[in-house]
Amino acid sequence: MSTENKPAGTTNVVPSFIVSGRIESSDQVAVSRDNLPIFNTLIKGKAADEYSNPPQWAVTSNIRFGKQGDIVNNIKTEVRCRSYLVEQVDERTGVVSKIRRFTHDLWLQQ
């Protein structure tokens, strides 16, 4: 069994993204296992022209970082995976089982 030699600087790094725009809405959507609130904030960027739709980002965070109408600049975000349980009903037998699903969200870096 051989060991792979990785070149220096090739670690698993979570990529970060910079988001800027106007806050369209900010709502509490859940509570974490640690009883911290989870907020989804919808940020709309600037459209390229009057005929284009503006880019939108849903940023998830444990804090509310603005209110509707606020302009935010250079918000640093990262992609994180979060799991949750869903009840699934078998149509044939009617048996209810819980399955784990995963979502990949854009989270505010703190």
C-alpha atoms as a PDB file:
ATOM      1  CA  MET A   1       0.000   0.000   0.000  1.00  0.00           C
ATOM      2  CA  SER A   2       1.525   3.318  -1.056  1.00  0.00           C
ATOM      3  CA  THR A   3       0.901   6.719   0.422  1.00  0.00           C
ATOM      4  CA  GLU A   4       0.098   9.612  -1.861  1.00  0.00           C
ATOM      5  CA  ASN A   5       2.283  12.642  -1.576  1.00  0.00           C
ATOM      6  CA  LYS A   6       0.181  15.767  -1.933  1.00  0.00           C
ATOM      7  CA  PRO A   7       1.870  18.947  -3.091  1.00  0.00           C
ATOM      8  CA  ALA A   8       2.131  21.684  -0.472  1.00  0.00           C
ATOM      9  CA  GLY A   9      -0.925  23.928  -0.338  1.00  0.00           C
ATOM     10  CA  THR A  10      -3.494  21.397  -1.564  1.00  0.00           C
ATOM     11  CA  THR A  11      -5.734  21.116   1.473  1.00  0.00           C
ATOM     12  CA  ASN A  12      -9.497  20.834   1.519  1.00  0.00           C
ATOM     13  CA  VAL A  13     -10.444  24.484   1.786  1.00  0.00           C
ATOM     14  CA  VAL A  14     -14.046  25.671   1.783  1.00  0.00           C
ATOM     15  CA  PRO A  15     -14.390  28.276  -0.968  1.00  0.00           C
ATOM     16  CA  SER A  16     -15.698  31.662   0.072  1.00  0.00           C
ATOM     17  CA  PHE A  17     -17.838  34.023  -1.990  1.00  0.00           C
ATOM     18  CA  ILE A  18     -18.304  37.779  -1.714  1.00  0.00           C
ATOM     19  CA  VAL A  19     -21.931  38.989  -2.024  1.00  0.00           C
ATOM     20  CA  SER A  20     -23.134  42.595  -2.379  1.00  0.00           C
ATOM     21  CA  GLY A  21     -26.608  44.018  -2.966  1.00  0.00           C
ATOM     22  CA  ARG A  22     -29.863  45.086  -1.318  1.00  0.00           C
ATOM     23  CA  ILE A  23     -31.624  42.970   1.334  1.00  0.00           C
ATOM     24  CA  GLU A  24     -35.061  41.957   0.035  1.00  0.00           C
ATOM     25  CA  SER A  25     -36.123  39.962   3.104  1.00  0.00           C
ATOM     26  CA  SER A  26     -34.749  38.406   6.274  1.00  0.00           C
ATOM     27  CA  ASP A  27     -36.760  35.669   8.002  1.00  0.00           C
ATOM     28  CA  GLN A  28     -36.108  33.206  10.804  1.00  0.00           C
ATOM     29  CA  VAL A  29     -36.631  29.764   9.253  1.00  0.00           C
ATOM     30  CA  ALA A  30     -35.484  27.303  11.936  1.00  0.00           C
ATOM     31  CA  VAL A  31     -33.694  26.741  15.236  1.00  0.00           C
ATOM     32  CA  SER A  32     -30.418  24.822  15.440  1.00  0.00           C
ATOM     33  CA  ARG A  33     -29.660  21.948  17.824  1.00  0.00           C
ATOM     34  CA  ASP A  34     -27.946  24.503  20.079  1.00  0.00           C
ATOM     35  CA  ASN A  35     -31.169  26.585  20.212  1.00  0.00           C
ATOM     36  CA  LEU A  36     -29.671  29.290  17.995  1.00  0.00           C
ATOM     37  CA  PRO A  37     -31.984  30.922  15.456  1.00  0.00           C
ATOM     38  CA  ILE A  38     -31.308  30.303  11.762  1.00  0.00           C
ATOM     39  CA  PHE A  39     -32.100  33.199   9.419  1.00  0.00           C
ATOM     40  CA  ASN A  40     -32.438  33.231   5.638  1.00  0.00           C
ATOM     41  CA  THR A  41     -31.630  36.612   4.121  1.00  0.00           C
ATOM     42  CA  LEU A  42     -32.436  37.215   0.454  1.00  0.00           C
ATOM     43  CA  ILE A  43     -29.953  39.603  -1.188  1.00  0.00           C
ATOM     44  CA  LYS A  44     -30.569  41.000  -4.671  1.00  0.00           C
ATOM     45  CA  GLY A  45     -27.679  42.255  -6.748  1.00  0.00           C
ATOM     46  CA  LYS A  46     -27.676  44.788  -9.551  1.00  0.00           C
ATOM     47  CA  ALA A  47     -29.050  43.785 -12.948  1.00  0.00           C
ATOM     48  CA  ALA A  48     -26.794  44.112 -15.979  1.00  0.00           C
ATOM     49  CA  ASP A  49     -29.428  46.204 -17.802  1.00  0.00           C
ATOM     50  CA  GLU A  50     -33.125  47.035 -17.562  1.00  0.00           C
ATOM     51  CA  TYR A  51     -34.134  43.841 -19.400  1.00  0.00           C
ATOM     52  CA  SER A  52     -32.137  41.395 -17.240  1.00  0.00           C
ATOM     53  CA  ASN A  53     -33.148  39.782 -13.995  1.00  0.00           C
ATOM     54  CA  PRO A  54     -30.873  40.699 -11.087  1.00  0.00           C
ATOM     55  CA  PRO A  55     -28.827  37.951  -9.415  1.00  0.00           C
ATOM     56  CA  GLN A  56     -30.171  36.757  -6.034  1.00  0.00           C
ATOM     57  CA  TRP A  57     -28.528  34.966  -3.140  1.00  0.00           C
ATOM     58  CA  ALA A  58     -30.140  33.358  -0.085  1.00  0.00           C
ATOM     59  CA  VAL A  59     -27.608  33.732   2.730  1.00  0.00           C
ATOM     60  CA  THR A  60     -28.152  31.617   5.857  1.00  0.00           C
ATOM     61  CA  SER A  61     -26.819  32.814   9.205  1.00  0.00           C
ATOM     62  CA  ASN A  62     -27.240  32.578  12.964  1.00  0.00           C
ATOM     63  CA  ILE A  63     -27.577  36.360  13.245  1.00  0.00           C
ATOM     64  CA  ARG A  64     -29.731  38.932  11.501  1.00  0.00           C
ATOM     65  CA  PHE A  65     -27.216  41.184   9.698  1.00  0.00           C
ATOM     66  CA  GLY A  66     -29.587  43.757   8.229  1.00  0.00           C
ATOM     67  CA  LYS A  67     -33.191  44.676   7.603  1.00  0.00           C
ATOM     68  CA  GLN A  68     -35.244  44.945   4.438  1.00  0.00           C
ATOM     69  CA  GLY A  69     -33.944  47.671   2.127  1.00  0.00           C
ATOM     70  CA  ASP A  70     -30.432  47.835   3.610  1.00  0.00           C
ATOM     71  CA  ILE A  71     -27.542  47.795   1.170  1.00  0.00           C
ATOM     72  CA  VAL A  72     -24.780  45.340   2.080  1.00  0.00           C
ATOM     73  CA  ASN A  73     -21.305  45.315   0.577  1.00  0.00           C
ATOM     74  CA  ASN A  74     -18.693  42.568   0.532  1.00  0.00           C
ATOM     75  CA  ILE A  75     -20.527  39.998   2.683  1.00  0.00           C
ATOM     76  CA  LYS A  76     -18.174  37.000   2.943  1.00  0.00           C
ATOM     77  CA  THR A  77     -20.012  33.670   2.618  1.00  0.00           C
ATOM     78  CA  GLU A  78     -19.150  29.966   2.369  1.00  0.00           C
ATOM     79  CA  VAL A  79     -20.975  26.811   1.260  1.00  0.00           C
ATOM     80  CA  ARG A  80     -21.992  24.460   4.092  1.00  0.00           C
ATOM     81  CA  CYS A  81     -23.906  21.203   4.186  1.00  0.00           C
ATOM     82  CA  ARG A  82     -26.797  20.806   6.659  1.00  0.00           C
ATOM     83  CA  SER A  83     -28.884  17.684   7.238  1.00  0.00           C
ATOM     84  CA  TYR A  84     -32.514  17.313   8.292  1.00  0.00           C
ATOM     85  CA  LEU A  85     -35.015  14.483   8.824  1.00  0.00           C
ATOM     86  CA  VAL A  86     -38.046  13.987   6.580  1.00  0.00           C
ATOM     87  CA  GLU A  87     -40.931  11.570   7.100  1.00  0.00           C
ATOM     88  CA  GLN A  88     -41.518   9.414   4.047  1.00  0.00           C
ATOM     89  CA  VAL A  89     -44.731   7.406   3.593  1.00  0.00           C
ATOM     90  CA  ASP A  90     -44.612   4.225   1.521  1.00  0.00           C
ATOM     91  CA  GLU A  91     -47.587   4.479  -0.864  1.00  0.00           C
ATOM     92  CA  ARG A  92     -48.041   0.716  -1.058  1.00  0.00           C
ATOM     93  CA  THR A  93     -47.873  -0.212   2.635  1.00  0.00           C
ATOM     94  CA  GLY A  94     -48.502   3.125   4.359  1.00  0.00           C
ATOM     95  CA  VAL A  95     -45.420   2.652   6.557  1.00  0.00           C
ATOM     96  CA  VAL A  96     -43.911   5.951   7.729  1.00  0.00           C
ATOM     97  CA  SER A  97     -40.132   6.090   7.917  1.00  0.00           C
ATOM     98  CA  LYS A  98     -37.695   8.902   8.540  1.00  0.00           C
ATOM     99  CA  ILE A  99     -34.922   9.592   6.064  1.00  0.00           C
ATOM    100  CA  ARG A 100     -32.065  12.083   6.262  1.00  0.00           C
ATOM    101  CA  ARG A 101     -31.783  14.701   3.537  1.00  0.00           C
ATOM    102  CA  PHE A 102     -29.004  17.190   2.950  1.00  0.00           C
ATOM    103  CA  THR A 103     -29.002  20.773   1.773  1.00  0.00           C
ATOM    104  CA  HIS A 104     -26.060  22.876   0.632  1.00  0.00           C
ATOM    105  CA  ASP A 105     -26.519  26.492   1.708  1.00  0.00           C
ATOM    106  CA  LEU A 106     -24.594  29.725   1.417  1.00  0.00           C
ATOM    107  CA  TRP A 107     -23.681  30.666   5.021  1.00  0.00           C
ATOM    108  CA  LEU A 108     -22.421  33.952   6.401  1.00  0.00           C
ATOM    109  CA  GLN A 109     -18.779  33.665   7.538  1.00  0.00           C
ATOM    110  CA  GLN A 110     -18.348  35.022  11.037  1.00  0.00           C
END
